[in-house]
Structure formats: structure tokens, C-alpha cells
């Protein structure tokens, strides 16, 4: 039996993630091959993750497009095929798993996330308060609390970007990259989905209001 075993619950979660990815694609959040998504299997002790294969059109993304990687981001033998690899942004996923209780990470290229950043030029921490939907973010119990969303300049240096994000990980279960999009997570697939939808709602509120 492989040490990188997937339980039936893992398989169910991966199928659910495929549905989420298709929904995101229908909303225009991951056009073409954009976006990346990962899941920590139940029996993983930090030694492997399931992550979306790079270069796959998200409109036709299926369960077979999740591949196993180790803690360094290398594709594991069970999933190796010529040319097959995970996203160049895998390091951001690994950082989120190392620093939080995340079991699912979702990355979106929604236009609202880009426009939201444009409303706050030069800010590396955007604060939101007074909106009821803040309570949909785990840990928030009232609209009077302040949600701080970290924002970083776009960079192809994922190692450096990951270290910058690592320092702000306590602020929110997600962060923004200007001109790029949102990366968020949750301790379950359901929670990650809720956080994704909540962030997008908040972004839409500000961009439509402006």
C-alpha cells in the first residue's frame, strides 16, 4: 500500500473541489489555465499534498488533474508523467499549510480582486469594518471588528513572496497580489469555499460602490 494513501473522504473532497473549480471558471475567476488549488489529505503528516496540475483548462478540469506533491513541491512517483507539474505558485500553498491549520487552498484571478487592490494604491494592509459579511470569516463574530487583508506587489520570485506573506499570515485567511488575484484557505474545503466567496463579496461591495 502506498504511504501516500487517499481515503474515501479525501476522494469526496477532491470531487467537491472540482465542482468549486468549475463554478469559479463559470464566474470568470480562472479563465483558461489560470488558478491553482490544493488539498491536504487526511493521512498526510505534512509530507504530501494534492494540488492542481499546471496548464489545464479549468473549464474541463477533472479529478484526474489533481497530482500529489511532497513538502518540497516535487511531483510524487505515483503521479509522475512527462511534462506534468504543479503551478509555479506552489510555494505559496506550501507556506499556507506550514503556517496555518489549512487543509484546502484556493487561488482566484477574479477581476473584483484586482479592482479592489486598485482602490487602495500603495497600501500593503487594507482594513475593512462595518460589513455584516465579515462574520463569515472564521474568527470574526461581529461586523464591528476590523478585517485586515494583506496586499503584495506581483512578483515571479515566489520564494520571496512566500516569505513576505508568511509574516502577515495572522491577519486573515488570505492575501492579495496586485494585478494577480486572491489566495485564501480554510481548515476544510467548505471553509475555504466560504472564505473565497466572502472575500469576493467584500471586493464587489467596494468596487461597485466606487
C-alpha atoms as a PDB file:
ATOM      1  CA  UNK A   1       0.000   0.000   0.000  1.00  0.00           C
ATOM      2  CA  UNK A   2       1.297   3.475  -0.854  1.00  0.00           C
ATOM      3  CA  UNK A   3       2.349   5.694   2.034  1.00  0.00           C
ATOM      4  CA  UNK A   4       0.559   8.466   0.119  1.00  0.00           C
ATOM      5  CA  UNK A   5      -2.874   6.980   0.627  1.00  0.00           C
ATOM      6  CA  UNK A   6      -6.126   8.790  -0.066  1.00  0.00           C
ATOM      7  CA  UNK A   7      -9.212   7.959   1.976  1.00  0.00           C
ATOM      8  CA  UNK A   8     -12.738   7.939   0.593  1.00  0.00           C
ATOM      9  CA  UNK A   9     -13.307  11.252   2.364  1.00  0.00           C
ATOM     10  CA  UNK A  10     -10.269  12.647   0.531  1.00  0.00           C
ATOM     11  CA  UNK A  11     -11.705  11.485  -2.778  1.00  0.00           C
ATOM     12  CA  UNK A  12     -15.051  13.079  -1.951  1.00  0.00           C
ATOM     13  CA  UNK A  13     -13.314  16.354  -1.096  1.00  0.00           C
ATOM     14  CA  UNK A  14     -11.329  16.331  -4.330  1.00  0.00           C
ATOM     15  CA  UNK A  15     -14.510  15.758  -6.340  1.00  0.00           C
ATOM     16  CA  UNK A  16     -16.116  18.632  -4.433  1.00  0.00           C
ATOM     17  CA  UNK A  17     -13.121  20.824  -5.276  1.00  0.00           C
ATOM     18  CA  UNK A  18     -13.575  20.014  -8.966  1.00  0.00           C
ATOM     19  CA  UNK A  19     -17.128  21.351  -8.665  1.00  0.00           C
ATOM     20  CA  UNK A  20     -15.825  24.515  -6.982  1.00  0.00           C
ATOM     21  CA  UNK A  21     -13.205  24.994  -9.701  1.00  0.00           C
ATOM     22  CA  UNK A  22     -15.852  24.631 -12.416  1.00  0.00           C
ATOM     23  CA  UNK A  23     -18.049  27.164 -10.578  1.00  0.00           C
ATOM     24  CA  UNK A  24     -15.129  29.588 -10.348  1.00  0.00           C
ATOM     25  CA  UNK A  25     -14.469  29.168 -14.052  1.00  0.00           C
ATOM     26  CA  UNK A  26     -18.110  29.916 -14.844  1.00  0.00           C
ATOM     27  CA  UNK A  27     -17.787  33.139 -12.817  1.00  0.00           C
ATOM     28  CA  UNK A  28     -14.694  34.124 -14.793  1.00  0.00           C
ATOM     29  CA  UNK A  29     -12.302  33.696 -11.867  1.00  0.00           C
ATOM     30  CA  UNK A  30      -9.878  31.321 -13.558  1.00  0.00           C
ATOM     31  CA  UNK A  31     -10.001  31.790 -17.334  1.00  0.00           C
ATOM     32  CA  UNK A  32      -8.062  29.389 -19.499  1.00  0.00           C
ATOM     33  CA  UNK A  33      -5.461  27.606 -17.390  1.00  0.00           C
ATOM     34  CA  UNK A  34      -5.397  30.245 -14.630  1.00  0.00           C
ATOM     35  CA  UNK A  35      -5.791  29.477 -10.943  1.00  0.00           C
ATOM     36  CA  UNK A  36      -4.398  26.783  -8.664  1.00  0.00           C
ATOM     37  CA  UNK A  37      -5.913  24.747  -5.839  1.00  0.00           C
ATOM     38  CA  UNK A  38      -4.685  22.262  -3.258  1.00  0.00           C
ATOM     39  CA  UNK A  39      -5.867  19.912  -0.540  1.00  0.00           C
ATOM     40  CA  UNK A  40      -4.139  18.240   2.410  1.00  0.00           C
ATOM     41  CA  UNK A  41      -5.199  14.569   2.643  1.00  0.00           C
ATOM     42  CA  UNK A  42      -6.375  13.213   5.991  1.00  0.00           C
ATOM     43  CA  UNK A  43      -3.378  10.910   6.431  1.00  0.00           C
ATOM     44  CA  UNK A  44      -0.815  13.475   5.361  1.00  0.00           C
ATOM     45  CA  UNK A  45       1.631  14.433   8.094  1.00  0.00           C
ATOM     46  CA  UNK A  46       2.894  17.373   6.103  1.00  0.00           C
ATOM     47  CA  UNK A  47       4.713  15.035   3.725  1.00  0.00           C
ATOM     48  CA  UNK A  48       2.336  15.364   0.769  1.00  0.00           C
ATOM     49  CA  UNK A  49      -0.465  17.405  -0.759  1.00  0.00           C
ATOM     50  CA  UNK A  50      -2.838  17.080  -3.674  1.00  0.00           C
ATOM     51  CA  UNK A  51      -2.588  20.093  -5.984  1.00  0.00           C
ATOM     52  CA  UNK A  52      -3.979  21.105  -9.360  1.00  0.00           C
ATOM     53  CA  UNK A  53      -1.854  20.210 -12.359  1.00  0.00           C
ATOM     54  CA  UNK A  54      -0.415  23.214 -14.195  1.00  0.00           C
ATOM     55  CA  UNK A  55      -1.554  24.075 -17.707  1.00  0.00           C
ATOM     56  CA  UNK A  56      -5.034  22.507 -17.553  1.00  0.00           C
ATOM     57  CA  UNK A  57      -8.036  24.485 -18.826  1.00  0.00           C
ATOM     58  CA  UNK A  58     -10.207  24.998 -15.755  1.00  0.00           C
ATOM     59  CA  UNK A  59     -13.363  24.702 -17.834  1.00  0.00           C
ATOM     60  CA  UNK A  60     -12.620  20.997 -18.297  1.00  0.00           C
ATOM     61  CA  UNK A  61     -10.719  20.399 -15.047  1.00  0.00           C
ATOM     62  CA  UNK A  62     -11.433  16.968 -13.553  1.00  0.00           C
ATOM     63  CA  UNK A  63     -10.475  14.783 -10.605  1.00  0.00           C
ATOM     64  CA  UNK A  64      -7.643  13.287 -12.678  1.00  0.00           C
ATOM     65  CA  UNK A  65      -5.953  16.687 -12.813  1.00  0.00           C
ATOM     66  CA  UNK A  66      -5.048  16.652  -9.125  1.00  0.00           C
ATOM     67  CA  UNK A  67      -1.496  15.414  -8.552  1.00  0.00           C
ATOM     68  CA  UNK A  68       0.438  14.503  -5.437  1.00  0.00           C
ATOM     69  CA  UNK A  69       3.459  16.569  -4.389  1.00  0.00           C
ATOM     70  CA  UNK A  70       5.876  16.323  -1.480  1.00  0.00           C
ATOM     71  CA  UNK A  71       6.757  19.023   1.067  1.00  0.00           C
ATOM     72  CA  UNK A  72       9.267  20.499  -1.398  1.00  0.00           C
ATOM     73  CA  UNK A  73       6.722  20.772  -4.187  1.00  0.00           C
ATOM     74  CA  UNK A  74       8.085  17.858  -6.223  1.00  0.00           C
ATOM     75  CA  UNK A  75       5.616  15.576  -8.018  1.00  0.00           C
ATOM     76  CA  UNK A  76       5.479  12.203  -6.276  1.00  0.00           C
ATOM     77  CA  UNK A  77       6.208   8.987  -8.245  1.00  0.00           C
ATOM     78  CA  UNK A  78       2.564   7.850  -8.321  1.00  0.00           C
ATOM     79  CA  UNK A  79       1.619  10.965 -10.298  1.00  0.00           C
ATOM     80  CA  UNK A  80       4.689  11.489 -12.448  1.00  0.00           C
ATOM     81  CA  UNK A  81       4.279  11.774 -16.221  1.00  0.00           C
ATOM     82  CA  UNK A  82       6.458  13.576 -18.789  1.00  0.00           C
ATOM     83  CA  UNK A  83       5.815  17.308 -18.647  1.00  0.00           C
ATOM     84  CA  UNK A  84       3.454  17.063 -15.701  1.00  0.00           C
ATOM     85  CA  UNK A  85       3.994  19.646 -12.962  1.00  0.00           C
ATOM     86  CA  UNK A  86       2.231  21.759 -10.372  1.00  0.00           C
ATOM     87  CA  UNK A  87       1.842  25.523 -10.536  1.00  0.00           C
ATOM     88  CA  UNK A  88       4.816  27.863 -10.268  1.00  0.00           C
ATOM     89  CA  UNK A  89       2.943  29.280  -7.244  1.00  0.00           C
ATOM     90  CA  UNK A  90       3.070  26.000  -5.316  1.00  0.00           C
ATOM     91  CA  UNK A  91       5.351  27.662  -2.762  1.00  0.00           C
ATOM     92  CA  UNK A  92       2.508  29.916  -1.643  1.00  0.00           C
ATOM     93  CA  UNK A  93       0.357  26.868  -0.935  1.00  0.00           C
ATOM     94  CA  UNK A  94       3.128  25.148   0.994  1.00  0.00           C
ATOM     95  CA  UNK A  95       3.635  28.275   3.101  1.00  0.00           C
ATOM     96  CA  UNK A  96      -0.078  28.432   3.984  1.00  0.00           C
ATOM     97  CA  UNK A  97      -0.057  24.795   5.118  1.00  0.00           C
ATOM     98  CA  UNK A  98       3.098  25.289   7.160  1.00  0.00           C
ATOM     99  CA  UNK A  99       1.823  28.366   8.985  1.00  0.00           C
ATOM    100  CA  UNK A 100      -1.899  27.675   9.465  1.00  0.00           C
ATOM    101  CA  UNK A 101      -4.393  24.875  10.099  1.00  0.00           C
ATOM    102  CA  UNK A 102      -5.349  24.981   6.408  1.00  0.00           C
ATOM    103  CA  UNK A 103      -6.486  21.804   4.712  1.00  0.00           C
ATOM    104  CA  UNK A 104      -7.534  23.495   1.454  1.00  0.00           C
ATOM    105  CA  UNK A 105      -6.100  26.454  -0.507  1.00  0.00           C
ATOM    106  CA  UNK A 106      -7.877  28.207  -3.398  1.00  0.00           C
ATOM    107  CA  UNK A 107      -6.453  30.805  -5.791  1.00  0.00           C
ATOM    108  CA  UNK A 108      -8.660  33.134  -7.834  1.00  0.00           C
ATOM    109  CA  UNK A 109      -7.965  35.644 -10.612  1.00  0.00           C
ATOM    110  CA  UNK A 110     -11.296  37.425 -10.137  1.00  0.00           C
ATOM    111  CA  UNK A 111     -11.458  40.892 -11.674  1.00  0.00           C
ATOM    112  CA  UNK A 112     -13.022  42.216  -8.461  1.00  0.00           C
ATOM    113  CA  UNK A 113      -9.912  41.262  -6.501  1.00  0.00           C
ATOM    114  CA  UNK A 114      -7.760  43.234  -8.946  1.00  0.00           C
ATOM    115  CA  UNK A 115     -10.070  46.258  -8.974  1.00  0.00           C
ATOM    116  CA  UNK A 116     -10.254  46.184  -5.165  1.00  0.00           C
ATOM    117  CA  UNK A 117      -6.456  46.486  -4.948  1.00  0.00           C
ATOM    118  CA  UNK A 118      -6.553  49.393  -7.405  1.00  0.00           C
ATOM    119  CA  UNK A 119      -8.811  51.299  -4.984  1.00  0.00           C
ATOM    120  CA  UNK A 120      -6.010  51.290  -2.397  1.00  0.00           C
ATOM    121  CA  UNK A 121      -2.772  52.165  -4.211  1.00  0.00           C
ATOM    122  CA  UNK A 122       0.345  51.865  -2.082  1.00  0.00           C
ATOM    123  CA  UNK A 123      -1.399  50.112   0.832  1.00  0.00           C
ATOM    124  CA  UNK A 124       0.024  46.783   1.975  1.00  0.00           C
ATOM    125  CA  UNK A 125      -2.739  46.149   4.526  1.00  0.00           C
ATOM    126  CA  UNK A 126      -6.346  47.049   3.660  1.00  0.00           C
ATOM    127  CA  UNK A 127      -8.776  47.317   6.574  1.00  0.00           C
ATOM    128  CA  UNK A 128     -12.499  46.570   6.322  1.00  0.00           C
ATOM    129  CA  UNK A 129     -15.073  47.066   9.072  1.00  0.00           C
ATOM    130  CA  UNK A 130     -18.809  47.629   9.473  1.00  0.00           C
ATOM    131  CA  UNK A 131     -19.965  44.982   6.999  1.00  0.00           C
ATOM    132  CA  UNK A 132     -22.049  42.050   8.239  1.00  0.00           C
ATOM    133  CA  UNK A 133     -20.343  39.531   5.935  1.00  0.00           C
ATOM    134  CA  UNK A 134     -17.061  39.948   7.791  1.00  0.00           C
ATOM    135  CA  UNK A 135     -18.598  37.434  10.221  1.00  0.00           C
ATOM    136  CA  UNK A 136     -18.323  34.756   7.518  1.00  0.00           C
ATOM    137  CA  UNK A 137     -14.545  34.814   8.008  1.00  0.00           C
ATOM    138  CA  UNK A 138     -13.564  32.310  10.708  1.00  0.00           C
ATOM    139  CA  UNK A 139     -12.698  34.034  13.978  1.00  0.00           C
ATOM    140  CA  UNK A 140     -14.879  37.106  13.417  1.00  0.00           C
ATOM    141  CA  UNK A 141     -18.040  37.391  15.500  1.00  0.00           C
ATOM    142  CA  UNK A 142     -19.272  40.921  14.817  1.00  0.00           C
ATOM    143  CA  UNK A 143     -19.375  43.438  11.976  1.00  0.00           C
ATOM    144  CA  UNK A 144     -17.642  45.900  14.297  1.00  0.00           C
ATOM    145  CA  UNK A 145     -14.361  44.008  14.131  1.00  0.00           C
ATOM    146  CA  UNK A 146     -11.749  45.002  11.573  1.00  0.00           C
ATOM    147  CA  UNK A 147     -10.539  42.612   8.900  1.00  0.00           C
ATOM    148  CA  UNK A 148      -7.053  43.376   7.618  1.00  0.00           C
ATOM    149  CA  UNK A 149      -6.240  41.959   4.188  1.00  0.00           C
ATOM    150  CA  UNK A 150      -2.527  41.827   3.246  1.00  0.00           C
ATOM    151  CA  UNK A 151      -1.588  43.043  -0.240  1.00  0.00           C
ATOM    152  CA  UNK A 152       1.675  42.377  -2.081  1.00  0.00           C
ATOM    153  CA  UNK A 153       3.158  43.597  -5.322  1.00  0.00           C
ATOM    154  CA  UNK A 154       3.193  40.998  -8.074  1.00  0.00           C
ATOM    155  CA  UNK A 155       6.435  39.076  -8.444  1.00  0.00           C
ATOM    156  CA  UNK A 156       7.734  35.962 -10.158  1.00  0.00           C
ATOM    157  CA  UNK A 157      10.007  35.383  -7.165  1.00  0.00           C
ATOM    158  CA  UNK A 158       7.653  33.023  -5.353  1.00  0.00           C
ATOM    159  CA  UNK A 159      10.138  32.229  -2.580  1.00  0.00           C
ATOM    160  CA  UNK A 160      10.437  35.899  -1.647  1.00  0.00           C
ATOM    161  CA  UNK A 161       6.686  36.437  -1.996  1.00  0.00           C
ATOM    162  CA  UNK A 162       6.003  33.446   0.249  1.00  0.00           C
ATOM    163  CA  UNK A 163       8.255  34.836   2.975  1.00  0.00           C
ATOM    164  CA  UNK A 164       6.527  38.220   2.829  1.00  0.00           C
ATOM    165  CA  UNK A 165       3.131  36.519   3.069  1.00  0.00           C
ATOM    166  CA  UNK A 166       4.350  34.338   5.941  1.00  0.00           C
ATOM    167  CA  UNK A 167       4.905  37.458   8.074  1.00  0.00           C
ATOM    168  CA  UNK A 168       1.289  38.601   7.658  1.00  0.00           C
ATOM    169  CA  UNK A 169      -0.435  35.222   7.901  1.00  0.00           C
ATOM    170  CA  UNK A 170      -2.097  36.105  11.236  1.00  0.00           C
ATOM    171  CA  UNK A 171      -4.215  38.898   9.748  1.00  0.00           C
ATOM    172  CA  UNK A 172      -6.637  36.934   7.566  1.00  0.00           C
ATOM    173  CA  UNK A 173      -7.112  33.512   5.916  1.00  0.00           C
ATOM    174  CA  UNK A 174      -5.989  35.007   2.632  1.00  0.00           C
ATOM    175  CA  UNK A 175      -3.968  37.675   0.850  1.00  0.00           C
ATOM    176  CA  UNK A 176      -3.986  39.656  -2.379  1.00  0.00           C
ATOM    177  CA  UNK A 177      -1.352  40.159  -5.070  1.00  0.00           C
ATOM    178  CA  UNK A 178      -1.772  43.305  -7.144  1.00  0.00           C
ATOM    179  CA  UNK A 179      -2.614  42.655 -10.763  1.00  0.00           C
ATOM    180  CA  UNK A 180      -2.874  38.956  -9.982  1.00  0.00           C
ATOM    181  CA  UNK A 181      -5.581  37.848  -7.574  1.00  0.00           C
ATOM    182  CA  UNK A 182      -6.571  36.283  -4.268  1.00  0.00           C
ATOM    183  CA  UNK A 183      -5.146  33.282  -2.433  1.00  0.00           C
ATOM    184  CA  UNK A 184      -7.233  32.040   0.507  1.00  0.00           C
ATOM    185  CA  UNK A 185      -7.637  28.916   2.606  1.00  0.00           C
ATOM    186  CA  UNK A 186      -9.670  27.102   5.239  1.00  0.00           C
ATOM    187  CA  UNK A 187      -9.426  24.134   7.575  1.00  0.00           C
ATOM    188  CA  UNK A 188     -11.851  22.310   5.286  1.00  0.00           C
ATOM    189  CA  UNK A 189     -12.886  22.567   1.656  1.00  0.00           C
ATOM    190  CA  UNK A 190     -16.199  24.056   2.795  1.00  0.00           C
ATOM    191  CA  UNK A 191     -14.455  26.714   4.879  1.00  0.00           C
ATOM    192  CA  UNK A 192     -12.064  27.618   2.053  1.00  0.00           C
ATOM    193  CA  UNK A 193     -15.060  27.966  -0.291  1.00  0.00           C
ATOM    194  CA  UNK A 194     -16.844  30.180   2.235  1.00  0.00           C
ATOM    195  CA  UNK A 195     -13.793  32.382   2.632  1.00  0.00           C
ATOM    196  CA  UNK A 196     -13.366  32.677  -1.143  1.00  0.00           C
ATOM    197  CA  UNK A 197     -16.983  33.720  -1.625  1.00  0.00           C
ATOM    198  CA  UNK A 198     -16.859  36.124   1.323  1.00  0.00           C
ATOM    199  CA  UNK A 199     -13.712  37.856   0.097  1.00  0.00           C
ATOM    200  CA  UNK A 200     -15.259  38.197  -3.358  1.00  0.00           C
ATOM    201  CA  UNK A 201     -18.437  39.680  -1.841  1.00  0.00           C
ATOM    202  CA  UNK A 202     -16.385  42.262   0.064  1.00  0.00           C
ATOM    203  CA  UNK A 203     -14.383  43.121  -3.061  1.00  0.00           C
ATOM    204  CA  UNK A 204     -17.598  43.548  -5.066  1.00  0.00           C
ATOM    205  CA  UNK A 205     -19.079  45.827  -2.417  1.00  0.00           C
ATOM    206  CA  UNK A 206     -16.184  48.266  -2.631  1.00  0.00           C
ATOM    207  CA  UNK A 207     -15.696  48.138  -6.377  1.00  0.00           C
ATOM    208  CA  UNK A 208     -19.388  48.599  -7.155  1.00  0.00           C
ATOM    209  CA  UNK A 209     -19.713  51.349  -4.564  1.00  0.00           C
ATOM    210  CA  UNK A 210     -16.815  53.224  -6.125  1.00  0.00           C
END
